[in-house]
Amino acid sequence: MTFDILFDIVENKALENKTDLLIAERILEAERDWIKPLYDLNEFILELENEIGGETSKDNLTKLLNRYQKNGFVNSAWNTESVTILLEIF
């Protein structure tokens, strides 16, 4: 799914479940903060898994955030914000 389509779904409130809508909003927010431009959700997941070195899970996102913090956020401030937003989903 492209981010344009996801944006339209959120804007039109096309998701009946409020939790699903909140998750979609957080994903869009996280994508906007990711330093590298991305086209679709699959590309974002692959980018996250590459950065993590494994599956995109709460534990792995937390480890990635800790790694960014240990590095003093060097070259990762935007990605740190993105990961922080994604952790709100859990």
PDB file of N, CA and C in Angstrom:
ATOM      1  N   MET A   1       0.845  -1.170   0.000  1.00  0.00           N
ATOM      2  CA  MET A   1       0.000   0.000   0.000  1.00  0.00           C
ATOM      3  C   MET A   1       0.893   1.236   0.000  1.00  0.00           C
ATOM      4  N   THR A   2       0.590   2.166  -0.895  1.00  0.00           N
ATOM      5  CA  THR A   2       1.381   3.393  -0.935  1.00  0.00           C
ATOM      6  C   THR A   2       0.970   4.295   0.222  1.00  0.00           C
ATOM      7  N   PHE A   3       1.853   5.213   0.559  1.00  0.00           N
ATOM      8  CA  PHE A   3       1.532   6.154   1.624  1.00  0.00           C
ATOM      9  C   PHE A   3       0.461   7.141   1.182  1.00  0.00           C
ATOM     10  N   ASP A   4       0.365   7.409  -0.110  1.00  0.00           N
ATOM     11  CA  ASP A   4      -0.708   8.269  -0.618  1.00  0.00           C
ATOM     12  C   ASP A   4      -2.073   7.630  -0.368  1.00  0.00           C
ATOM     13  N   ILE A   5      -2.174   6.339  -0.624  1.00  0.00           N
ATOM     14  CA  ILE A   5      -3.434   5.633  -0.379  1.00  0.00           C
ATOM     15  C   ILE A   5      -3.742   5.602   1.114  1.00  0.00           C
ATOM     16  N   LEU A   6      -2.741   5.305   1.935  1.00  0.00           N
ATOM     17  CA  LEU A   6      -2.940   5.287   3.384  1.00  0.00           C
ATOM     18  C   LEU A   6      -3.357   6.661   3.883  1.00  0.00           C
ATOM     19  N   PHE A   7      -2.758   7.705   3.341  1.00  0.00           N
ATOM     20  CA  PHE A   7      -3.123   9.070   3.714  1.00  0.00           C
ATOM     21  C   PHE A   7      -4.593   9.330   3.390  1.00  0.00           C
ATOM     22  N   ASP A   8      -5.026   8.928   2.201  1.00  0.00           N
ATOM     23  CA  ASP A   8      -6.426   9.118   1.804  1.00  0.00           C
ATOM     24  C   ASP A   8      -7.370   8.362   2.735  1.00  0.00           C
ATOM     25  N   ILE A   9      -6.990   7.163   3.117  1.00  0.00           N
ATOM     26  CA  ILE A   9      -7.810   6.370   4.038  1.00  0.00           C
ATOM     27  C   ILE A   9      -7.957   7.092   5.370  1.00  0.00           C
ATOM     28  N   VAL A  10      -6.862   7.629   5.877  1.00  0.00           N
ATOM     29  CA  VAL A  10      -6.897   8.345   7.153  1.00  0.00           C
ATOM     30  C   VAL A  10      -7.702   9.636   7.020  1.00  0.00           C
ATOM     31  N   GLU A  11      -7.445  10.391   5.969  1.00  0.00           N
ATOM     32  CA  GLU A  11      -8.149  11.662   5.759  1.00  0.00           C
ATOM     33  C   GLU A  11      -9.658  11.466   5.641  1.00  0.00           C
ATOM     34  N   ASN A  12     -10.063  10.400   4.969  1.00  0.00           N
ATOM     35  CA  ASN A  12     -11.486  10.121   4.764  1.00  0.00           C
ATOM     36  C   ASN A  12     -12.091   9.301   5.896  1.00  0.00           C
ATOM     37  N   LYS A  13     -11.271   9.029   6.906  1.00  0.00           N
ATOM     38  CA  LYS A  13     -11.682   8.207   8.045  1.00  0.00           C
ATOM     39  C   LYS A  13     -12.388   6.936   7.565  1.00  0.00           C
ATOM     40  N   ALA A  14     -11.746   6.286   6.609  1.00  0.00           N
ATOM     41  CA  ALA A  14     -12.308   5.092   5.976  1.00  0.00           C
ATOM     42  C   ALA A  14     -12.127   3.827   6.812  1.00  0.00           C
ATOM     43  N   LEU A  15     -11.505   3.955   7.953  1.00  0.00           N
ATOM     44  CA  LEU A  15     -11.359   2.823   8.870  1.00  0.00           C
ATOM     45  C   LEU A  15     -12.389   2.981   9.984  1.00  0.00           C
ATOM     46  N   GLU A  16     -13.222   1.991  10.168  1.00  0.00           N
ATOM     47  CA  GLU A  16     -14.273   2.070  11.181  1.00  0.00           C
ATOM     48  C   GLU A  16     -13.721   1.935  12.593  1.00  0.00           C
ATOM     49  N   ASN A  17     -12.711   1.109  12.744  1.00  0.00           N
ATOM     50  CA  ASN A  17     -12.131   0.858  14.053  1.00  0.00           C
ATOM     51  C   ASN A  17     -11.182   2.001  14.416  1.00  0.00           C
ATOM     52  N   LYS A  18     -11.415   2.624  15.564  1.00  0.00           N
ATOM     53  CA  LYS A  18     -10.596   3.770  15.987  1.00  0.00           C
ATOM     54  C   LYS A  18      -9.139   3.382  16.223  1.00  0.00           C
ATOM     55  N   THR A  19      -8.919   2.167  16.698  1.00  0.00           N
ATOM     56  CA  THR A  19      -7.547   1.708  16.923  1.00  0.00           C
ATOM     57  C   THR A  19      -6.806   1.575  15.600  1.00  0.00           C
ATOM     58  N   ASP A  20      -7.472   1.018  14.590  1.00  0.00           N
ATOM     59  CA  ASP A  20      -6.856   0.901  13.266  1.00  0.00           C
ATOM     60  C   ASP A  20      -6.523   2.271  12.694  1.00  0.00           C
ATOM     61  N   LEU A  21      -7.431   3.225  12.891  1.00  0.00           N
ATOM     62  CA  LEU A  21      -7.201   4.587  12.409  1.00  0.00           C
ATOM     63  C   LEU A  21      -5.993   5.206  13.113  1.00  0.00           C
ATOM     64  N   LEU A  22      -5.893   5.013  14.417  1.00  0.00           N
ATOM     65  CA  LEU A  22      -4.760   5.538  15.180  1.00  0.00           C
ATOM     66  C   LEU A  22      -3.449   4.914  14.709  1.00  0.00           C
ATOM     67  N   ILE A  23      -3.454   3.616  14.458  1.00  0.00           N
ATOM     68  CA  ILE A  23      -2.252   2.935  13.967  1.00  0.00           C
ATOM     69  C   ILE A  23      -1.846   3.499  12.614  1.00  0.00           C
ATOM     70  N   ALA A  24      -2.806   3.679  11.721  1.00  0.00           N
ATOM     71  CA  ALA A  24      -2.518   4.242  10.397  1.00  0.00           C
ATOM     72  C   ALA A  24      -1.947   5.653  10.521  1.00  0.00           C
ATOM     73  N   GLU A  25      -2.504   6.452  11.427  1.00  0.00           N
ATOM     74  CA  GLU A  25      -1.992   7.812  11.648  1.00  0.00           C
ATOM     75  C   GLU A  25      -0.547   7.778  12.137  1.00  0.00           C
ATOM     76  N   ARG A  26      -0.256   6.877  13.063  1.00  0.00           N
ATOM     77  CA  ARG A  26       1.105   6.774  13.610  1.00  0.00           C
ATOM     78  C   ARG A  26       2.093   6.319  12.538  1.00  0.00           C
ATOM     79  N   ILE A  27       1.675   5.389  11.694  1.00  0.00           N
ATOM     80  CA  ILE A  27       2.552   4.923  10.615  1.00  0.00           C
ATOM     81  C   ILE A  27       2.877   6.074   9.674  1.00  0.00           C
ATOM     82  N   LEU A  28       1.872   6.862   9.312  1.00  0.00           N
ATOM     83  CA  LEU A  28       2.111   8.015   8.432  1.00  0.00           C
ATOM     84  C   LEU A  28       3.049   9.025   9.085  1.00  0.00           C
ATOM     85  N   GLU A  29       2.824   9.265  10.363  1.00  0.00           N
ATOM     86  CA  GLU A  29       3.673  10.204  11.099  1.00  0.00           C
ATOM     87  C   GLU A  29       5.120   9.702  11.155  1.00  0.00           C
ATOM     88  N   ALA A  30       5.290   8.419  11.416  1.00  0.00           N
ATOM     89  CA  ALA A  30       6.629   7.829  11.488  1.00  0.00           C
ATOM     90  C   ALA A  30       7.322   7.874  10.131  1.00  0.00           C
ATOM     91  N   GLU A  31       6.575   7.615   9.080  1.00  0.00           N
ATOM     92  CA  GLU A  31       7.154   7.653   7.732  1.00  0.00           C
ATOM     93  C   GLU A  31       7.632   9.054   7.382  1.00  0.00           C
ATOM     94  N   ARG A  32       6.863  10.055   7.774  1.00  0.00           N
ATOM     95  CA  ARG A  32       7.253  11.448   7.482  1.00  0.00           C
ATOM     96  C   ARG A  32       8.554  11.825   8.190  1.00  0.00           C
ATOM     97  N   ASP A  33       8.795  11.233   9.358  1.00  0.00           N
ATOM     98  CA  ASP A  33      10.007  11.556  10.111  1.00  0.00           C
ATOM     99  C   ASP A  33      11.217  10.738   9.679  1.00  0.00           C
ATOM    100  N   TRP A  34      11.001   9.648   8.965  1.00  0.00           N
ATOM    101  CA  TRP A  34      12.121   8.818   8.525  1.00  0.00           C
ATOM    102  C   TRP A  34      12.972   9.623   7.557  1.00  0.00           C
ATOM    103  N   ILE A  35      14.285   9.599   7.735  1.00  0.00           N
ATOM    104  CA  ILE A  35      15.173  10.480   6.974  1.00  0.00           C
ATOM    105  C   ILE A  35      15.180  10.175   5.474  1.00  0.00           C
ATOM    106  N   LYS A  36      14.984   8.918   5.112  1.00  0.00           N
ATOM    107  CA  LYS A  36      15.007   8.520   3.702  1.00  0.00           C
ATOM    108  C   LYS A  36      13.578   8.533   3.147  1.00  0.00           C
ATOM    109  N   PRO A  37      13.358   9.168   2.004  1.00  0.00           N
ATOM    110  CA  PRO A  37      12.017   9.156   1.406  1.00  0.00           C
ATOM    111  C   PRO A  37      11.597   7.734   1.023  1.00  0.00           C
ATOM    112  N   LEU A  38      10.366   7.396   1.338  1.00  0.00           N
ATOM    113  CA  LEU A  38       9.845   6.063   1.072  1.00  0.00           C
ATOM    114  C   LEU A  38       8.531   6.169   0.313  1.00  0.00           C
ATOM    115  N   TYR A  39       8.241   5.160  -0.502  1.00  0.00           N
ATOM    116  CA  TYR A  39       7.062   5.183  -1.363  1.00  0.00           C
ATOM    117  C   TYR A  39       5.861   4.441  -0.772  1.00  0.00           C
ATOM    118  N   ASP A  40       6.132   3.290  -0.167  1.00  0.00           N
ATOM    119  CA  ASP A  40       5.004   2.503   0.327  1.00  0.00           C
ATOM    120  C   ASP A  40       5.340   1.818   1.649  1.00  0.00           C
ATOM    121  N   LEU A  41       4.320   1.218   2.224  1.00  0.00           N
ATOM    122  CA  LEU A  41       4.450   0.590   3.535  1.00  0.00           C
ATOM    123  C   LEU A  41       5.443  -0.563   3.517  1.00  0.00           C
ATOM    124  N   ASN A  42       5.423  -1.358   2.471  1.00  0.00           N
ATOM    125  CA  ASN A  42       6.359  -2.474   2.361  1.00  0.00           C
ATOM    126  C   ASN A  42       7.807  -1.977   2.363  1.00  0.00           C
ATOM    127  N   GLU A  43       8.066  -0.917   1.619  1.00  0.00           N
ATOM    128  CA  GLU A  43       9.415  -0.343   1.577  1.00  0.00           C
ATOM    129  C   GLU A  43       9.840   0.142   2.965  1.00  0.00           C
ATOM    130  N   PHE A  44       8.899   0.725   3.712  1.00  0.00           N
ATOM    131  CA  PHE A  44       9.184   1.207   5.060  1.00  0.00           C
ATOM    132  C   PHE A  44       9.531   0.038   5.978  1.00  0.00           C
ATOM    133  N   ILE A  45       8.759  -1.035   5.894  1.00  0.00           N
ATOM    134  CA  ILE A  45       9.030  -2.212   6.722  1.00  0.00           C
ATOM    135  C   ILE A  45      10.398  -2.799   6.389  1.00  0.00           C
ATOM    136  N   LEU A  46      10.704  -2.913   5.112  1.00  0.00           N
ATOM    137  CA  LEU A  46      12.017  -3.432   4.704  1.00  0.00           C
ATOM    138  C   LEU A  46      13.145  -2.528   5.190  1.00  0.00           C
ATOM    139  N   GLU A  47      12.949  -1.238   5.121  1.00  0.00           N
ATOM    140  CA  GLU A  47      13.950  -0.276   5.601  1.00  0.00           C
ATOM    141  C   GLU A  47      14.159  -0.432   7.107  1.00  0.00           C
ATOM    142  N   LEU A  48      13.066  -0.575   7.845  1.00  0.00           N
ATOM    143  CA  LEU A  48      13.163  -0.781   9.290  1.00  0.00           C
ATOM    144  C   LEU A  48      13.885  -2.088   9.610  1.00  0.00           C
ATOM    145  N   GLU A  49      13.515  -3.150   8.918  1.00  0.00           N
ATOM    146  CA  GLU A  49      14.152  -4.444   9.173  1.00  0.00           C
ATOM    147  C   GLU A  49      15.632  -4.417   8.829  1.00  0.00           C
ATOM    148  N   ASN A  50      15.991  -3.684   7.817  1.00  0.00           N
ATOM    149  CA  ASN A  50      17.405  -3.523   7.470  1.00  0.00           C
ATOM    150  C   ASN A  50      18.138  -2.756   8.570  1.00  0.00           C
ATOM    151  N   GLU A  51      17.520  -1.714   9.061  1.00  0.00           N
ATOM    152  CA  GLU A  51      18.124  -0.899  10.121  1.00  0.00           C
ATOM    153  C   GLU A  51      18.226  -1.694  11.424  1.00  0.00           C
ATOM    154  N   ILE A  52      17.192  -2.485  11.704  1.00  0.00           N
ATOM    155  CA  ILE A  52      17.147  -3.291  12.924  1.00  0.00           C
ATOM    156  C   ILE A  52      18.076  -4.496  12.822  1.00  0.00           C
ATOM    157  N   GLY A  53      18.111  -5.092  11.641  1.00  0.00           N
ATOM    158  CA  GLY A  53      18.838  -6.343  11.462  1.00  0.00           C
ATOM    159  C   GLY A  53      17.974  -7.536  11.813  1.00  0.00           C
ATOM    160  N   GLY A  54      16.668  -7.367  11.722  1.00  0.00           N
ATOM    161  CA  GLY A  54      15.724  -8.437  12.046  1.00  0.00           C
ATOM    162  C   GLY A  54      14.305  -7.957  11.842  1.00  0.00           C
ATOM    163  N   GLU A  55      13.361  -8.672  12.468  1.00  0.00           N
ATOM    164  CA  GLU A  55      11.947  -8.337  12.337  1.00  0.00           C
ATOM    165  C   GLU A  55      11.617  -7.013  13.008  1.00  0.00           C
ATOM    166  N   THR A  56      10.572  -6.389  12.492  1.00  0.00           N
ATOM    167  CA  THR A  56      10.068  -5.164  13.106  1.00  0.00           C
ATOM    168  C   THR A  56       9.107  -5.565  14.218  1.00  0.00           C
ATOM    169  N   SER A  57       9.589  -5.512  15.443  1.00  0.00           N
ATOM    170  CA  SER A  57       8.781  -5.858  16.612  1.00  0.00           C
ATOM    171  C   SER A  57       9.019  -4.791  17.678  1.00  0.00           C
ATOM    172  N   LYS A  58       8.201  -4.808  18.708  1.00  0.00           N
ATOM    173  CA  LYS A  58       8.365  -3.835  19.789  1.00  0.00           C
ATOM    174  C   LYS A  58       9.756  -3.950  20.410  1.00  0.00           C
ATOM    175  N   ASP A  59      10.173  -5.171  20.709  1.00  0.00           N
ATOM    176  CA  ASP A  59      11.490  -5.368  21.329  1.00  0.00           C
ATOM    177  C   ASP A  59      12.614  -4.866  20.425  1.00  0.00           C
ATOM    178  N   ASN A  60      12.528  -5.201  19.139  1.00  0.00           N
ATOM    179  CA  ASN A  60      13.590  -4.785  18.218  1.00  0.00           C
ATOM    180  C   ASN A  60      13.583  -3.278  17.977  1.00  0.00           C
ATOM    181  N   LEU A  61      12.397  -2.667  17.947  1.00  0.00           N
ATOM    182  CA  LEU A  61      12.335  -1.206  17.812  1.00  0.00           C
ATOM    183  C   LEU A  61      12.935  -0.533  19.045  1.00  0.00           C
ATOM    184  N   THR A  62      12.676  -1.101  20.216  1.00  0.00           N
ATOM    185  CA  THR A  62      13.251  -0.560  21.452  1.00  0.00           C
ATOM    186  C   THR A  62      14.771  -0.681  21.435  1.00  0.00           C
ATOM    187  N   LYS A  63      15.283  -1.813  20.979  1.00  0.00           N
ATOM    188  CA  LYS A  63      16.735  -1.992  20.870  1.00  0.00           C
ATOM    189  C   LYS A  63      17.336  -0.997  19.882  1.00  0.00           C
ATOM    190  N   LEU A  64      16.648  -0.772  18.771  1.00  0.00           N
ATOM    191  CA  LEU A  64      17.125   0.193  17.781  1.00  0.00           C
ATOM    192  C   LEU A  64      17.150   1.592  18.375  1.00  0.00           C
ATOM    193  N   LEU A  65      16.110   1.952  19.095  1.00  0.00           N
ATOM    194  CA  LEU A  65      16.058   3.259  19.744  1.00  0.00           C
ATOM    195  C   LEU A  65      17.204   3.405  20.739  1.00  0.00           C
ATOM    196  N   ASN A  66      17.470   2.369  21.510  1.00  0.00           N
ATOM    197  CA  ASN A  66      18.588   2.400  22.460  1.00  0.00           C
ATOM    198  C   ASN A  66      19.925   2.548  21.738  1.00  0.00           C
ATOM    199  N   ARG A  67      20.064   1.881  20.595  1.00  0.00           N
ATOM    200  CA  ARG A  67      21.299   2.006  19.813  1.00  0.00           C
ATOM    201  C   ARG A  67      21.483   3.439  19.322  1.00  0.00           C
ATOM    202  N   TYR A  68      20.404   4.047  18.848  1.00  0.00           N
ATOM    203  CA  TYR A  68      20.476   5.449  18.418  1.00  0.00           C
ATOM    204  C   TYR A  68      20.902   6.342  19.584  1.00  0.00           C
ATOM    205  N   GLN A  69      20.329   6.091  20.757  1.00  0.00           N
ATOM    206  CA  GLN A  69      20.650   6.908  21.930  1.00  0.00           C
ATOM    207  C   GLN A  69      22.107   6.740  22.350  1.00  0.00           C
ATOM    208  N   LYS A  70      22.619   5.511  22.294  1.00  0.00           N
ATOM    209  CA  LYS A  70      24.018   5.265  22.655  1.00  0.00           C
ATOM    210  C   LYS A  70      24.977   5.973  21.714  1.00  0.00           C
ATOM    211  N   ASN A  71      24.552   6.122  20.457  1.00  0.00           N
ATOM    212  CA  ASN A  71      25.381   6.813  19.462  1.00  0.00           C
ATOM    213  C   ASN A  71      25.201   8.321  19.517  1.00  0.00           C
ATOM    214  N   GLY A  72      24.471   8.800  20.510  1.00  0.00           N
ATOM    215  CA  GLY A  72      24.266  10.235  20.650  1.00  0.00           C
ATOM    216  C   GLY A  72      23.419  10.819  19.531  1.00  0.00           C
ATOM    217  N   PHE A  73      22.579   9.992  18.938  1.00  0.00           N
ATOM    218  CA  PHE A  73      21.672  10.406  17.859  1.00  0.00           C
ATOM    219  C   PHE A  73      22.401  10.908  16.622  1.00  0.00           C
ATOM    220  N   VAL A  74      23.689  10.595  16.503  1.00  0.00           N
ATOM    221  CA  VAL A  74      24.470  11.027  15.349  1.00  0.00           C
ATOM    222  C   VAL A  74      23.839  10.445  14.085  1.00  0.00           C
ATOM    223  N   ASN A  75      23.469  11.318  13.172  1.00  0.00           N
ATOM    224  CA  ASN A  75      22.846  10.942  11.898  1.00  0.00           C
ATOM    225  C   ASN A  75      21.566  10.127  12.067  1.00  0.00           C
ATOM    226  N   SER A  76      20.923  10.218  13.225  1.00  0.00           N
ATOM    227  CA  SER A  76      19.725   9.399  13.421  1.00  0.00           C
ATOM    228  C   SER A  76      18.602  10.118  14.160  1.00  0.00           C
ATOM    229  N   ALA A  77      18.672  11.427  14.293  1.00  0.00           N
ATOM    230  CA  ALA A  77      17.649  12.148  15.055  1.00  0.00           C
ATOM    231  C   ALA A  77      16.256  11.958  14.461  1.00  0.00           C
ATOM    232  N   TRP A  78      16.138  12.065  13.135  1.00  0.00           N
ATOM    233  CA  TRP A  78      14.827  11.891  12.497  1.00  0.00           C
ATOM    234  C   TRP A  78      14.352  10.454  12.638  1.00  0.00           C
ATOM    235  N   ASN A  79      15.249   9.502  12.436  1.00  0.00           N
ATOM    236  CA  ASN A  79      14.866   8.101  12.570  1.00  0.00           C
ATOM    237  C   ASN A  79      14.490   7.772  14.015  1.00  0.00           C
ATOM    238  N   THR A  80      15.157   8.412  14.968  1.00  0.00           N
ATOM    239  CA  THR A  80      14.823   8.226  16.377  1.00  0.00           C
ATOM    240  C   THR A  80      13.388   8.654  16.628  1.00  0.00           C
ATOM    241  N   GLU A  81      13.018   9.800  16.093  1.00  0.00           N
ATOM    242  CA  GLU A  81      11.644  10.289  16.239  1.00  0.00           C
ATOM    243  C   GLU A  81      10.660   9.310  15.602  1.00  0.00           C
ATOM    244  N   SER A  82      11.006   8.795  14.442  1.00  0.00           N
ATOM    245  CA  SER A  82      10.157   7.843  13.737  1.00  0.00           C
ATOM    246  C   SER A  82       9.950   6.573  14.565  1.00  0.00           C
ATOM    247  N   VAL A  83      11.015   6.030  15.101  1.00  0.00           N
ATOM    248  CA  VAL A  83      10.929   4.807  15.907  1.00  0.00           C
ATOM    249  C   VAL A  83      10.120   5.064  17.178  1.00  0.00           C
ATOM    250  N   THR A  84      10.302   6.219  17.788  1.00  0.00           N
ATOM    251  CA  THR A  84       9.535   6.581  18.984  1.00  0.00           C
ATOM    252  C   THR A  84       8.039   6.583  18.679  1.00  0.00           C
ATOM    253  N   ILE A  85       7.671   7.130  17.538  1.00  0.00           N
ATOM    254  CA  ILE A  85       6.264   7.154  17.126  1.00  0.00           C
ATOM    255  C   ILE A  85       5.751   5.736  16.888  1.00  0.00           C
ATOM    256  N   LEU A  86       6.539   4.908  16.228  1.00  0.00           N
ATOM    257  CA  LEU A  86       6.119   3.523  15.976  1.00  0.00           C
ATOM    258  C   LEU A  86       5.907   2.758  17.282  1.00  0.00           C
ATOM    259  N   LEU A  87       6.722   3.032  18.284  1.00  0.00           N
ATOM    260  CA  LEU A  87       6.568   2.344  19.568  1.00  0.00           C
ATOM    261  C   LEU A  87       5.246   2.699  20.245  1.00  0.00           C
ATOM    262  N   GLU A  88       4.670   3.852  19.909  1.00  0.00           N
ATOM    263  CA  GLU A  88       3.371   4.236  20.466  1.00  0.00           C
ATOM    264  C   GLU A  88       2.261   3.284  20.014  1.00  0.00           C
ATOM    265  N   ILE A  89       2.477   2.598  18.910  1.00  0.00           N
ATOM    266  CA  ILE A  89       1.479   1.653  18.407  1.00  0.00           C
ATOM    267  C   ILE A  89       1.315   0.483  19.368  1.00  0.00           C
ATOM    268  N   PHE A  90       2.413   0.109  20.013  1.00  0.00           N
ATOM    269  CA  PHE A  90       2.378  -1.035  20.912  1.00  0.00           C
ATOM    270  C   PHE A  90       1.891  -0.603  22.271  1.00  0.00           C
TER     271      PHE A  90
END
